Amino acid sequence: MKNKPSVEAFLKQVQQAGGLNPYHISLYTAMLSCWQEQGNTLPFRVTRKRLMALSGIRSIATYHDCIKLLMNRRFILYEPSYSKRTGSQVTLLDL
């Protein structure tokens, strides 16, 4: 990884690309927080419940829509685990 993931780099991309709403920004920020909690290692594991709580997203449909857009815009790689115990694997991509 060339550059360390950061809120600043993400927000710069948001300004340039447009089309993201506060839920996307909040979810990405929650992912950054989890990444830092886990020692800045990529990929890291996190549960939907944890990300939803940190980001303030209450709807599972909104959560999945945000994940999909972040993946399509190449902000993240997301590999669902389909397990409540294991957590999904997330990689924050170079911006």
Protein backbone atom coordinates (compact mmCIF):
# COMPACT_ATOMS: atom_id res chain seq x y z
CA MET A 1 0.00 0.00 0.00
CA LYS A 2 1.43 3.32 -1.07
CA ASN A 3 -0.65 5.61 1.09
CA LYS A 4 -2.13 5.03 4.49
CA PRO A 5 -5.96 5.17 4.46
CA SER A 6 -7.24 8.44 5.91
CA VAL A 7 -10.38 10.49 6.30
CA GLU A 8 -8.68 13.35 4.46
CA ALA A 9 -7.89 11.26 1.38
CA PHE A 10 -11.40 9.81 1.39
CA LEU A 11 -13.07 13.23 1.68
CA LYS A 12 -10.93 14.55 -1.17
CA GLN A 13 -12.18 11.69 -3.34
CA VAL A 14 -15.77 12.35 -2.23
CA GLN A 15 -15.49 15.99 -3.30
CA GLN A 16 -14.04 15.07 -6.67
CA ALA A 17 -16.35 12.18 -7.50
CA GLY A 18 -19.60 13.26 -5.88
CA GLY A 19 -22.56 10.95 -5.49
CA LEU A 20 -21.83 9.90 -1.92
CA ASN A 21 -24.07 10.84 0.97
CA PRO A 22 -23.45 11.16 4.72
CA TYR A 23 -24.15 7.44 5.23
CA HIS A 24 -21.27 6.49 2.93
CA ILE A 25 -18.95 8.90 4.69
CA SER A 26 -20.04 7.69 8.12
CA LEU A 27 -19.60 4.02 7.17
CA TYR A 28 -16.13 4.61 5.73
CA THR A 29 -15.16 6.55 8.86
CA ALA A 30 -16.42 3.65 11.00
CA MET A 31 -14.24 1.29 8.95
CA LEU A 32 -11.23 3.55 9.50
CA SER A 33 -11.92 3.46 13.23
CA CYS A 34 -12.08 -0.36 13.27
CA TRP A 35 -8.93 -0.57 11.18
CA GLN A 36 -7.09 1.63 13.69
CA GLU A 37 -8.44 -0.38 16.64
CA GLN A 38 -7.00 -3.52 15.06
CA GLY A 39 -3.50 -2.12 14.69
CA ASN A 40 -3.72 -0.67 11.16
CA THR A 41 -3.43 -4.08 9.52
CA LEU A 42 -5.12 -4.85 6.23
CA PRO A 43 -7.31 -6.68 5.74
CA PHE A 44 -9.18 -6.52 9.03
CA ARG A 45 -12.36 -8.20 10.28
CA VAL A 46 -15.49 -6.47 11.46
CA THR A 47 -19.15 -7.31 11.96
CA ARG A 48 -22.09 -5.59 10.36
CA LYS A 49 -23.50 -4.91 13.81
CA ARG A 50 -20.35 -3.06 14.86
CA LEU A 51 -20.13 -0.99 11.67
CA MET A 52 -23.81 -0.08 11.84
CA ALA A 53 -23.47 1.00 15.46
CA LEU A 54 -20.39 3.13 14.78
CA SER A 55 -21.79 4.72 11.63
CA GLY A 56 -25.31 5.36 12.94
CA ILE A 57 -26.88 3.39 10.10
CA ARG A 58 -30.05 1.67 11.34
CA SER A 59 -31.29 -0.03 8.19
CA ILE A 60 -29.65 -3.22 6.92
CA ALA A 61 -30.71 -2.26 3.38
CA THR A 62 -28.97 1.12 3.68
CA TYR A 63 -25.88 -0.59 5.08
CA HIS A 64 -25.70 -2.99 2.13
CA ASP A 65 -26.33 -0.19 -0.38
CA CYS A 66 -23.46 1.79 1.14
CA ILE A 67 -21.12 -1.22 1.12
CA LYS A 68 -21.97 -1.86 -2.53
CA LEU A 69 -21.27 1.73 -3.57
CA LEU A 70 -17.99 1.87 -1.62
CA MET A 71 -16.93 -1.34 -3.37
CA ASN A 72 -18.02 -0.13 -6.83
CA ARG A 73 -16.13 3.14 -6.37
CA ARG A 74 -13.02 1.18 -5.33
CA PHE A 75 -12.78 2.60 -1.82
CA ILE A 76 -12.88 -0.85 -0.22
CA LEU A 77 -12.73 -4.58 -0.83
CA TYR A 78 -15.40 -6.36 1.19
CA GLU A 79 -15.59 -10.11 1.66
CA PRO A 80 -18.65 -11.12 3.70
CA SER A 81 -18.17 -14.00 6.13
CA TYR A 82 -21.84 -14.90 6.58
CA SER A 83 -20.93 -15.66 10.20
CA LYS A 84 -21.87 -13.59 13.24
CA ARG A 85 -18.74 -14.76 15.04
CA THR A 86 -16.05 -14.36 12.40
CA GLY A 87 -16.91 -10.99 10.91
CA SER A 88 -16.43 -9.88 7.34
CA GLN A 89 -13.06 -9.01 5.89
CA VAL A 90 -12.45 -5.42 4.79
CA THR A 91 -9.53 -3.90 2.93
CA LEU A 92 -9.30 -0.13 2.60
CA LEU A 93 -7.88 0.57 -0.86
CA ASP A 94 -5.35 3.21 -1.88
CA LEU A 95 -7.05 6.45 -2.69
